[in-house]
């Protein structure tokens, strides 16, 4: 079966997911289509995201069985589809005993706090839209973040793999989590 794999994102995160896929098996390079939304959505108001044409774009793309949403914010709005936010939740549920610190956008933080804060062990740090755009453009690349309060630092946005993070915590990438799910679902 050689069906295309559709990766949807609002920025560089889909390329990070693709990078993990190709690193594991070069055949993924020719199987993946990246569908980029034309603007960053991580910190835009959710009602604004839904009002724009995203519903149309998502519904068209998600009719494909091999579509994965690489944007945590977007996947949190469309949780019935495969994607980065769902992989983040699975990871948190499977690692409840760890003390996790998640770097994420405001929308991802809101969705996590709204539905999952009571049951899972994590704290969040939000990054504003201006910083996210600088990460995507390579303007910001080095971050130092150390803590004795947390076991793991979770990159709660697939864009954040572009950062060179100096930390004493184990770093967990949602890009890697998403690529692992894709590899488990797709027969090459």
N, C-alpha and C. Protein backbone atom coordinates (compact mmCIF):
# COMPACT_ATOMS: atom_id res chain seq x y z
N UNK A 1 0.83 -1.18 0.00
CA UNK A 1 0.00 0.00 0.00
C UNK A 1 0.88 1.24 0.00
N UNK A 2 0.65 2.15 -0.95
CA UNK A 2 1.49 3.34 -1.05
C UNK A 2 0.68 4.62 -0.92
N UNK A 3 -0.29 4.63 -0.03
CA UNK A 3 -1.07 5.84 0.19
C UNK A 3 -0.18 6.94 0.74
N UNK A 4 -0.50 8.17 0.35
CA UNK A 4 0.24 9.32 0.86
C UNK A 4 -0.11 9.55 2.33
N UNK A 5 0.84 10.10 3.05
CA UNK A 5 0.65 10.48 4.44
C UNK A 5 0.58 12.00 4.46
N UNK A 6 -0.53 12.55 4.97
CA UNK A 6 -0.71 13.99 5.02
C UNK A 6 -0.36 14.51 6.41
N UNK A 7 0.55 15.46 6.46
CA UNK A 7 0.94 16.11 7.71
C UNK A 7 0.44 17.55 7.66
N UNK A 8 -0.40 17.93 8.60
CA UNK A 8 -0.98 19.28 8.64
C UNK A 8 -0.34 20.06 9.79
N UNK A 9 0.04 21.30 9.52
CA UNK A 9 0.60 22.14 10.57
C UNK A 9 0.44 23.60 10.17
N UNK A 10 0.72 24.47 11.15
CA UNK A 10 0.67 25.91 10.89
C UNK A 10 2.07 26.49 10.83
N UNK A 11 3.07 25.65 10.80
CA UNK A 11 4.45 26.14 10.77
C UNK A 11 5.43 25.02 10.54
N UNK A 12 6.57 25.13 11.16
CA UNK A 12 7.69 24.22 10.91
C UNK A 12 7.55 22.85 11.55
N UNK A 13 6.58 22.67 12.42
CA UNK A 13 6.46 21.41 13.15
C UNK A 13 6.32 20.19 12.27
N UNK A 14 5.57 20.30 11.17
CA UNK A 14 5.39 19.15 10.28
C UNK A 14 6.73 18.71 9.70
N UNK A 15 7.62 19.65 9.46
CA UNK A 15 8.95 19.30 8.95
C UNK A 15 9.77 18.56 10.00
N UNK A 16 9.57 18.89 11.26
CA UNK A 16 10.25 18.16 12.33
C UNK A 16 9.74 16.73 12.42
N UNK A 17 8.42 16.55 12.29
CA UNK A 17 7.85 15.20 12.29
C UNK A 17 8.40 14.42 11.11
N UNK A 18 8.41 15.04 9.93
CA UNK A 18 8.94 14.38 8.73
C UNK A 18 10.41 14.00 8.93
N UNK A 19 11.18 14.86 9.55
CA UNK A 19 12.59 14.58 9.80
C UNK A 19 12.77 13.31 10.63
N UNK A 20 11.97 13.16 11.70
CA UNK A 20 12.03 11.94 12.51
C UNK A 20 11.63 10.72 11.69
N UNK A 21 10.61 10.87 10.85
CA UNK A 21 10.16 9.74 10.02
C UNK A 21 11.25 9.30 9.06
N UNK A 22 11.84 10.26 8.34
CA UNK A 22 12.86 9.95 7.34
C UNK A 22 14.12 9.39 8.01
N UNK A 23 14.42 9.90 9.19
CA UNK A 23 15.58 9.39 9.93
C UNK A 23 15.41 7.90 10.23
N UNK A 24 14.18 7.47 10.48
CA UNK A 24 13.93 6.07 10.79
C UNK A 24 13.81 5.20 9.54
N UNK A 25 13.32 5.79 8.45
CA UNK A 25 13.17 5.05 7.20
C UNK A 25 13.04 6.04 6.05
N UNK A 26 13.99 6.03 5.15
CA UNK A 26 14.05 6.99 4.03
C UNK A 26 12.82 6.94 3.13
N UNK A 27 12.09 5.84 3.13
CA UNK A 27 10.90 5.72 2.27
C UNK A 27 9.80 6.71 2.65
N UNK A 28 9.82 7.20 3.89
CA UNK A 28 8.82 8.18 4.31
C UNK A 28 8.93 9.47 3.50
N UNK A 29 10.11 9.80 3.02
CA UNK A 29 10.33 11.06 2.30
C UNK A 29 9.39 11.20 1.11
N UNK A 30 9.18 10.13 0.37
CA UNK A 30 8.32 10.18 -0.82
C UNK A 30 6.86 9.90 -0.51
N UNK A 31 6.56 9.52 0.71
CA UNK A 31 5.18 9.18 1.07
C UNK A 31 4.44 10.33 1.75
N UNK A 32 5.16 11.35 2.21
CA UNK A 32 4.53 12.41 3.01
C UNK A 32 4.26 13.67 2.21
N UNK A 33 3.05 14.21 2.39
CA UNK A 33 2.68 15.55 1.91
C UNK A 33 2.57 16.44 3.13
N UNK A 34 3.12 17.63 3.05
CA UNK A 34 2.98 18.58 4.15
C UNK A 34 2.01 19.66 3.72
N UNK A 35 0.93 19.82 4.47
CA UNK A 35 -0.07 20.85 4.22
C UNK A 35 0.07 21.91 5.30
N UNK A 36 0.61 23.06 4.91
CA UNK A 36 0.81 24.14 5.87
C UNK A 36 -0.34 25.12 5.82
N UNK A 37 -0.87 25.45 6.98
CA UNK A 37 -1.84 26.52 7.08
C UNK A 37 -1.06 27.83 6.99
N UNK A 38 -1.63 28.86 6.42
CA UNK A 38 -0.83 30.05 6.09
C UNK A 38 -0.52 30.99 7.25
N UNK A 39 -0.79 30.61 8.47
CA UNK A 39 -0.46 31.49 9.59
C UNK A 39 -0.33 30.67 10.86
N UNK A 40 0.36 31.22 11.81
CA UNK A 40 0.54 30.58 13.11
C UNK A 40 -0.78 30.66 13.88
N UNK A 41 -1.17 29.57 14.52
CA UNK A 41 -2.44 29.59 15.24
C UNK A 41 -2.30 29.37 16.74
N UNK A 42 -1.12 29.03 17.20
CA UNK A 42 -0.93 28.61 18.59
C UNK A 42 -1.45 29.55 19.65
N UNK A 43 -1.41 30.85 19.41
CA UNK A 43 -1.86 31.80 20.43
C UNK A 43 -3.04 32.66 19.97
N UNK A 44 -3.58 32.38 18.80
CA UNK A 44 -4.75 33.13 18.34
C UNK A 44 -5.97 32.65 19.12
N UNK A 45 -6.96 33.52 19.32
CA UNK A 45 -8.18 33.09 20.01
C UNK A 45 -8.84 31.92 19.28
N UNK A 46 -9.29 30.94 20.04
CA UNK A 46 -9.86 29.73 19.44
C UNK A 46 -11.04 30.06 18.54
N UNK A 47 -11.90 31.01 18.95
CA UNK A 47 -13.05 31.34 18.09
C UNK A 47 -12.58 31.93 16.76
N UNK A 48 -11.45 32.66 16.77
CA UNK A 48 -10.91 33.20 15.52
C UNK A 48 -10.38 32.06 14.63
N UNK A 49 -9.73 31.09 15.23
CA UNK A 49 -9.22 29.95 14.47
C UNK A 49 -10.38 29.22 13.80
N UNK A 50 -11.44 28.95 14.56
CA UNK A 50 -12.57 28.21 14.03
C UNK A 50 -13.33 29.01 12.96
N UNK A 51 -13.40 30.35 13.12
CA UNK A 51 -14.12 31.18 12.16
C UNK A 51 -13.44 31.19 10.80
N UNK A 52 -12.13 31.16 10.82
CA UNK A 52 -11.40 31.24 9.57
C UNK A 52 -11.65 29.94 8.79
N UNK A 53 -10.99 29.77 7.71
CA UNK A 53 -11.29 28.65 6.83
C UNK A 53 -10.72 27.33 7.31
N UNK A 54 -10.21 27.26 8.52
CA UNK A 54 -9.59 26.03 8.99
C UNK A 54 -10.57 24.86 8.96
N UNK A 55 -11.83 25.08 9.34
CA UNK A 55 -12.79 23.98 9.30
C UNK A 55 -12.82 23.34 7.92
N UNK A 56 -12.84 24.17 6.89
CA UNK A 56 -12.87 23.65 5.52
C UNK A 56 -11.59 22.90 5.20
N UNK A 57 -10.44 23.49 5.51
CA UNK A 57 -9.16 22.86 5.22
C UNK A 57 -9.03 21.54 5.96
N UNK A 58 -9.36 21.56 7.23
CA UNK A 58 -9.24 20.35 8.04
C UNK A 58 -10.18 19.28 7.54
N UNK A 59 -11.43 19.63 7.33
CA UNK A 59 -12.40 18.63 6.90
C UNK A 59 -12.02 18.00 5.56
N UNK A 60 -11.49 18.78 4.64
CA UNK A 60 -11.04 18.22 3.36
C UNK A 60 -9.87 17.27 3.57
N UNK A 61 -8.89 17.70 4.35
CA UNK A 61 -7.69 16.89 4.56
C UNK A 61 -7.97 15.66 5.41
N UNK A 62 -8.85 15.80 6.39
CA UNK A 62 -9.07 14.71 7.32
C UNK A 62 -9.97 13.62 6.76
N UNK A 63 -10.49 13.83 5.57
CA UNK A 63 -11.19 12.74 4.92
C UNK A 63 -10.22 11.65 4.51
N UNK A 64 -8.95 12.00 4.46
CA UNK A 64 -7.90 11.04 4.16
C UNK A 64 -7.60 10.23 5.41
N UNK A 65 -7.47 8.93 5.27
CA UNK A 65 -7.23 8.09 6.45
C UNK A 65 -5.82 8.24 7.02
N UNK A 66 -4.89 8.67 6.21
CA UNK A 66 -3.50 8.80 6.67
C UNK A 66 -3.12 10.25 6.94
N UNK A 67 -4.00 10.99 7.59
CA UNK A 67 -3.73 12.39 7.92
C UNK A 67 -3.40 12.52 9.40
N UNK A 68 -2.36 13.29 9.68
CA UNK A 68 -1.92 13.52 11.05
C UNK A 68 -1.77 15.02 11.26
N UNK A 69 -2.37 15.51 12.33
CA UNK A 69 -2.27 16.94 12.66
C UNK A 69 -1.03 17.14 13.52
N UNK A 70 -0.05 17.84 12.98
CA UNK A 70 1.22 18.04 13.69
C UNK A 70 1.19 19.27 14.59
N UNK A 71 0.11 19.99 14.61
CA UNK A 71 -0.04 21.18 15.44
C UNK A 71 -0.86 20.80 16.68
N UNK A 72 -0.28 21.00 17.87
CA UNK A 72 -0.99 20.66 19.11
C UNK A 72 -2.28 21.44 19.26
N UNK A 73 -2.25 22.73 18.98
CA UNK A 73 -3.46 23.55 19.12
C UNK A 73 -4.55 23.04 18.20
N UNK A 74 -4.22 22.83 16.96
CA UNK A 74 -5.21 22.37 15.99
C UNK A 74 -5.74 20.99 16.35
N UNK A 75 -4.86 20.08 16.77
CA UNK A 75 -5.30 18.76 17.17
C UNK A 75 -6.17 18.81 18.42
N UNK A 76 -5.91 19.77 19.32
CA UNK A 76 -6.75 19.89 20.51
C UNK A 76 -8.17 20.33 20.15
N UNK A 77 -8.32 21.03 19.02
CA UNK A 77 -9.64 21.44 18.55
C UNK A 77 -10.34 20.33 17.76
N UNK A 78 -9.55 19.42 17.23
CA UNK A 78 -10.06 18.28 16.45
C UNK A 78 -9.50 17.00 17.06
N UNK A 79 -9.87 16.69 18.31
CA UNK A 79 -9.22 15.60 19.03
C UNK A 79 -9.56 14.19 18.53
N UNK A 80 -10.55 14.06 17.68
CA UNK A 80 -10.88 12.72 17.18
C UNK A 80 -9.93 12.27 16.09
N UNK A 81 -9.07 13.16 15.62
CA UNK A 81 -8.11 12.82 14.57
C UNK A 81 -6.73 12.57 15.16
N UNK A 82 -5.94 11.79 14.44
CA UNK A 82 -4.56 11.52 14.85
C UNK A 82 -3.77 12.82 14.90
N UNK A 83 -2.93 12.98 15.92
CA UNK A 83 -2.13 14.18 15.95
C UNK A 83 -1.29 14.35 17.19
N UNK A 84 -0.54 15.44 17.18
CA UNK A 84 0.45 15.72 18.21
C UNK A 84 -0.16 15.89 19.60
N UNK A 85 -1.30 16.58 19.70
CA UNK A 85 -1.92 16.80 21.01
C UNK A 85 -2.34 15.47 21.63
N UNK A 86 -2.93 14.60 20.82
CA UNK A 86 -3.32 13.29 21.32
C UNK A 86 -2.12 12.48 21.79
N UNK A 87 -1.01 12.60 21.05
CA UNK A 87 0.21 11.89 21.45
C UNK A 87 0.77 12.44 22.76
N UNK A 88 0.66 13.74 22.94
CA UNK A 88 1.07 14.37 24.19
C UNK A 88 0.24 13.83 25.35
N UNK A 89 -1.07 13.73 25.16
CA UNK A 89 -1.95 13.21 26.21
C UNK A 89 -1.64 11.75 26.54
N UNK A 90 -1.42 10.95 25.51
CA UNK A 90 -1.08 9.54 25.74
C UNK A 90 0.21 9.45 26.55
N UNK A 91 1.19 10.27 26.16
CA UNK A 91 2.46 10.26 26.89
C UNK A 91 2.23 10.64 28.36
N UNK A 92 1.48 11.71 28.60
CA UNK A 92 1.22 12.14 29.98
C UNK A 92 0.49 11.06 30.78
N UNK A 93 -0.49 10.42 30.16
CA UNK A 93 -1.25 9.37 30.85
C UNK A 93 -0.36 8.18 31.19
N UNK A 94 0.58 7.85 30.28
CA UNK A 94 1.47 6.71 30.51
C UNK A 94 2.63 7.04 31.46
N UNK A 95 2.81 8.31 31.76
CA UNK A 95 3.92 8.73 32.62
C UNK A 95 3.41 9.61 33.76
N UNK A 96 2.32 9.19 34.37
CA UNK A 96 1.68 9.96 35.44
C UNK A 96 2.60 10.20 36.63
N UNK A 97 3.50 9.28 36.89
CA UNK A 97 4.34 9.41 38.08
C UNK A 97 5.49 10.42 37.88
N UNK A 98 5.76 10.78 36.63
CA UNK A 98 6.82 11.77 36.37
C UNK A 98 6.31 13.18 36.64
N UNK A 99 7.23 14.03 37.02
CA UNK A 99 6.91 15.45 37.15
C UNK A 99 7.30 16.10 35.83
N UNK A 100 6.30 16.50 35.04
CA UNK A 100 6.52 17.00 33.69
C UNK A 100 6.32 18.50 33.60
N UNK A 101 7.24 19.15 32.91
CA UNK A 101 7.11 20.57 32.59
C UNK A 101 6.92 20.66 31.08
N UNK A 102 5.84 21.31 30.66
CA UNK A 102 5.52 21.40 29.24
C UNK A 102 5.69 22.84 28.77
N UNK A 103 6.50 23.03 27.73
CA UNK A 103 6.60 24.33 27.06
C UNK A 103 5.56 24.28 25.94
N UNK A 104 4.65 25.26 25.91
CA UNK A 104 3.59 25.20 24.91
C UNK A 104 3.02 26.58 24.61
N UNK A 105 2.11 26.62 23.65
CA UNK A 105 1.39 27.85 23.33
C UNK A 105 0.26 28.04 24.34
N UNK A 106 -0.29 29.23 24.35
CA UNK A 106 -1.40 29.54 25.25
C UNK A 106 -2.60 28.63 25.00
N UNK A 107 -2.92 28.38 23.73
CA UNK A 107 -4.07 27.51 23.43
C UNK A 107 -3.86 26.09 23.89
N UNK A 108 -2.66 25.56 23.70
CA UNK A 108 -2.38 24.21 24.18
C UNK A 108 -2.49 24.17 25.70
N UNK A 109 -1.96 25.19 26.37
CA UNK A 109 -2.07 25.26 27.83
C UNK A 109 -3.54 25.29 28.25
N UNK A 110 -4.33 26.11 27.58
CA UNK A 110 -5.76 26.22 27.92
C UNK A 110 -6.46 24.88 27.78
N UNK A 111 -6.22 24.18 26.68
CA UNK A 111 -6.88 22.89 26.45
C UNK A 111 -6.40 21.85 27.48
N UNK A 112 -5.11 21.84 27.78
CA UNK A 112 -4.60 20.91 28.79
C UNK A 112 -5.21 21.20 30.16
N UNK A 113 -5.21 22.47 30.55
CA UNK A 113 -5.74 22.84 31.86
C UNK A 113 -7.24 22.56 31.96
N UNK A 114 -7.94 22.83 30.89
CA UNK A 114 -9.40 22.69 30.89
C UNK A 114 -9.83 21.24 31.08
N UNK A 115 -9.16 20.33 30.42
CA UNK A 115 -9.62 18.94 30.41
C UNK A 115 -8.77 17.95 31.20
N UNK A 116 -7.50 18.25 31.42
CA UNK A 116 -6.61 17.21 31.89
C UNK A 116 -5.82 17.53 33.14
N UNK A 117 -5.80 18.77 33.58
CA UNK A 117 -4.95 19.19 34.70
C UNK A 117 -5.23 18.38 35.96
N UNK A 118 -6.48 18.06 36.22
CA UNK A 118 -6.84 17.36 37.44
C UNK A 118 -6.27 15.94 37.50
N UNK A 119 -6.15 15.29 36.34
CA UNK A 119 -5.80 13.88 36.30
C UNK A 119 -4.35 13.57 35.97
N UNK A 120 -3.62 14.55 35.46
CA UNK A 120 -2.25 14.29 35.01
C UNK A 120 -1.26 15.19 35.73
N UNK A 121 -0.02 14.75 35.82
CA UNK A 121 0.99 15.45 36.59
C UNK A 121 1.86 16.32 35.68
N UNK A 122 1.50 17.60 35.55
CA UNK A 122 2.30 18.50 34.72
C UNK A 122 2.07 19.95 35.11
N UNK A 123 3.02 20.76 34.72
CA UNK A 123 2.92 22.21 34.79
C UNK A 123 3.26 22.72 33.40
N UNK A 124 2.83 23.94 33.09
CA UNK A 124 3.11 24.47 31.76
C UNK A 124 3.80 25.83 31.83
N UNK A 125 4.58 26.10 30.80
CA UNK A 125 5.15 27.42 30.55
C UNK A 125 4.68 27.78 29.15
N UNK A 126 4.08 28.96 29.00
CA UNK A 126 3.62 29.34 27.66
C UNK A 126 4.64 30.24 26.98
N UNK A 127 4.66 30.11 25.67
CA UNK A 127 5.53 30.92 24.83
C UNK A 127 4.64 31.73 23.91
N UNK A 128 4.89 33.04 23.82
CA UNK A 128 4.01 33.88 23.03
C UNK A 128 4.27 33.75 21.53
N UNK A 129 3.34 34.26 20.74
CA UNK A 129 3.37 34.10 19.29
C UNK A 129 4.62 34.71 18.66
N UNK A 130 5.06 35.83 19.15
CA UNK A 130 6.25 36.48 18.61
C UNK A 130 7.48 35.58 18.75
N UNK A 131 7.60 34.93 19.88
CA UNK A 131 8.72 34.01 20.12
C UNK A 131 8.61 32.81 19.19
N UNK A 132 7.40 32.26 19.02
CA UNK A 132 7.21 31.10 18.15
C UNK A 132 7.62 31.43 16.72
N UNK A 133 7.24 32.60 16.24
CA UNK A 133 7.63 33.00 14.89
C UNK A 133 9.14 33.13 14.77
N UNK A 134 9.80 33.61 15.82
CA UNK A 134 11.27 33.72 15.80
C UNK A 134 11.92 32.34 15.82
N UNK A 135 11.30 31.39 16.52
CA UNK A 135 11.81 30.02 16.52
C UNK A 135 11.72 29.45 15.10
N UNK A 136 10.56 29.61 14.47
CA UNK A 136 10.37 29.10 13.10
C UNK A 136 11.37 29.70 12.11
N UNK A 137 11.71 30.97 12.31
CA UNK A 137 12.64 31.65 11.39
C UNK A 137 14.10 31.42 11.77
N UNK A 138 14.35 30.73 12.87
CA UNK A 138 15.72 30.46 13.29
C UNK A 138 16.39 31.62 14.01
N UNK A 139 15.62 32.65 14.35
CA UNK A 139 16.17 33.82 15.05
C UNK A 139 16.51 33.46 16.49
N UNK A 140 15.66 32.66 17.11
CA UNK A 140 15.92 32.17 18.47
C UNK A 140 16.23 30.68 18.34
N UNK A 141 17.37 30.29 18.84
CA UNK A 141 17.71 28.87 18.71
C UNK A 141 18.24 28.25 20.00
N UNK A 142 18.74 29.05 20.91
CA UNK A 142 19.32 28.51 22.14
C UNK A 142 18.48 28.91 23.35
N UNK A 143 18.16 27.92 24.17
CA UNK A 143 17.37 28.16 25.37
C UNK A 143 18.01 27.37 26.51
N UNK A 144 18.10 28.00 27.67
CA UNK A 144 18.58 27.30 28.86
C UNK A 144 17.43 27.23 29.84
N UNK A 145 17.14 26.04 30.30
CA UNK A 145 16.02 25.84 31.20
C UNK A 145 16.36 24.68 32.13
N UNK A 146 16.68 24.99 33.36
CA UNK A 146 17.04 23.96 34.33
C UNK A 146 16.09 24.01 35.51
N UNK A 147 15.82 22.84 36.07
CA UNK A 147 14.93 22.78 37.22
C UNK A 147 15.17 21.49 37.99
N UNK A 148 15.10 21.59 39.28
CA UNK A 148 15.15 20.39 40.12
C UNK A 148 13.75 19.94 40.51
N UNK A 149 12.74 20.68 40.06
CA UNK A 149 11.35 20.35 40.41
C UNK A 149 10.70 19.36 39.44
N UNK A 150 11.30 19.19 38.25
CA UNK A 150 10.67 18.38 37.21
C UNK A 150 11.63 17.31 36.71
N UNK A 151 11.06 16.18 36.28
CA UNK A 151 11.86 15.09 35.71
C UNK A 151 12.07 15.29 34.21
N UNK A 152 11.01 15.75 33.55
CA UNK A 152 11.04 15.82 32.10
C UNK A 152 10.54 17.16 31.59
N UNK A 153 11.16 17.61 30.52
CA UNK A 153 10.75 18.81 29.81
C UNK A 153 10.11 18.34 28.51
N UNK A 154 8.83 18.63 28.35
CA UNK A 154 8.11 18.20 27.16
C UNK A 154 7.95 19.39 26.22
N UNK A 155 8.42 19.21 24.99
CA UNK A 155 8.25 20.24 23.97
C UNK A 155 6.82 20.11 23.45
N UNK A 156 5.93 20.92 24.00
CA UNK A 156 4.50 20.82 23.72
C UNK A 156 4.09 21.45 22.42
N UNK A 157 5.02 21.69 21.56
CA UNK A 157 4.74 22.21 20.22
C UNK A 157 5.77 21.58 19.29
N UNK A 158 5.34 21.08 18.16
CA UNK A 158 6.27 20.41 17.26
C UNK A 158 7.31 21.37 16.68
N UNK A 159 7.06 22.67 16.75
CA UNK A 159 8.04 23.67 16.30
C UNK A 159 9.26 23.70 17.19
N UNK A 160 9.10 23.34 18.44
CA UNK A 160 10.15 23.57 19.43
C UNK A 160 11.35 22.65 19.27
N UNK A 161 11.26 21.67 18.39
CA UNK A 161 12.44 20.84 18.09
C UNK A 161 13.54 21.67 17.44
N UNK A 162 13.19 22.84 16.93
CA UNK A 162 14.18 23.72 16.31
C UNK A 162 15.08 24.39 17.34
N UNK A 163 14.69 24.30 18.60
CA UNK A 163 15.48 24.92 19.67
C UNK A 163 16.61 24.00 20.12
N UNK A 164 17.71 24.59 20.45
CA UNK A 164 18.80 23.89 21.10
C UNK A 164 18.62 24.14 22.59
N UNK A 165 18.11 23.16 23.30
CA UNK A 165 17.75 23.35 24.70
C UNK A 165 18.83 22.75 25.60
N UNK A 166 19.37 23.59 26.44
CA UNK A 166 20.33 23.16 27.44
C UNK A 166 19.55 23.00 28.75
N UNK A 167 19.43 21.77 29.21
CA UNK A 167 18.62 21.52 30.39
C UNK A 167 19.15 20.31 31.15
N UNK A 168 18.81 20.23 32.42
CA UNK A 168 19.16 19.06 33.22
C UNK A 168 18.02 18.03 33.23
N UNK A 169 16.93 18.34 32.54
CA UNK A 169 15.79 17.43 32.47
C UNK A 169 15.85 16.59 31.19
N UNK A 170 15.22 15.44 31.21
CA UNK A 170 15.08 14.65 29.99
C UNK A 170 14.11 15.39 29.07
N UNK A 171 14.44 15.55 27.80
CA UNK A 171 13.60 16.29 26.86
C UNK A 171 12.76 15.29 26.05
N UNK A 172 11.45 15.53 26.02
CA UNK A 172 10.51 14.71 25.25
C UNK A 172 9.94 15.59 24.13
N UNK A 173 10.04 15.12 22.92
CA UNK A 173 9.59 15.87 21.75
C UNK A 173 8.23 15.37 21.27
N UNK A 174 7.25 16.28 21.12
CA UNK A 174 5.96 15.84 20.55
C UNK A 174 6.12 15.50 19.08
N UNK A 175 7.13 16.06 18.41
CA UNK A 175 7.40 15.66 17.01
C UNK A 175 7.79 14.19 16.96
N UNK A 176 8.62 13.78 17.89
CA UNK A 176 9.04 12.39 17.95
C UNK A 176 7.86 11.49 18.32
N UNK A 177 7.05 11.92 19.29
CA UNK A 177 5.88 11.13 19.68
C UNK A 177 4.92 10.96 18.50
N UNK A 178 4.71 12.03 17.76
CA UNK A 178 3.83 11.99 16.59
C UNK A 178 4.41 11.06 15.52
N UNK A 179 5.70 11.16 15.26
CA UNK A 179 6.31 10.30 14.23
C UNK A 179 6.25 8.83 14.65
N UNK A 180 6.40 8.55 15.94
CA UNK A 180 6.29 7.16 16.40
C UNK A 180 4.90 6.60 16.15
N UNK A 181 3.86 7.42 16.36
CA UNK A 181 2.49 6.97 16.11
C UNK A 181 2.31 6.71 14.60
N UNK A 182 2.80 7.61 13.78
CA UNK A 182 2.67 7.42 12.33
C UNK A 182 3.36 6.12 11.91
N UNK A 183 4.56 5.90 12.41
CA UNK A 183 5.30 4.66 12.05
C UNK A 183 4.52 3.42 12.48
N UNK A 184 3.82 3.51 13.60
CA UNK A 184 3.08 2.33 14.08
C UNK A 184 1.80 2.09 13.27
N UNK A 185 1.30 3.11 12.58
CA UNK A 185 0.05 2.98 11.83
C UNK A 185 0.24 2.73 10.34
N UNK A 186 1.41 3.06 9.81
CA UNK A 186 1.62 3.02 8.37
C UNK A 186 2.49 1.84 7.97
N UNK A 187 2.03 1.08 7.00
CA UNK A 187 2.85 0.02 6.42
C UNK A 187 3.60 0.59 5.23
N UNK A 188 4.91 0.48 5.26
CA UNK A 188 5.70 0.96 4.13
C UNK A 188 5.82 -0.13 3.14
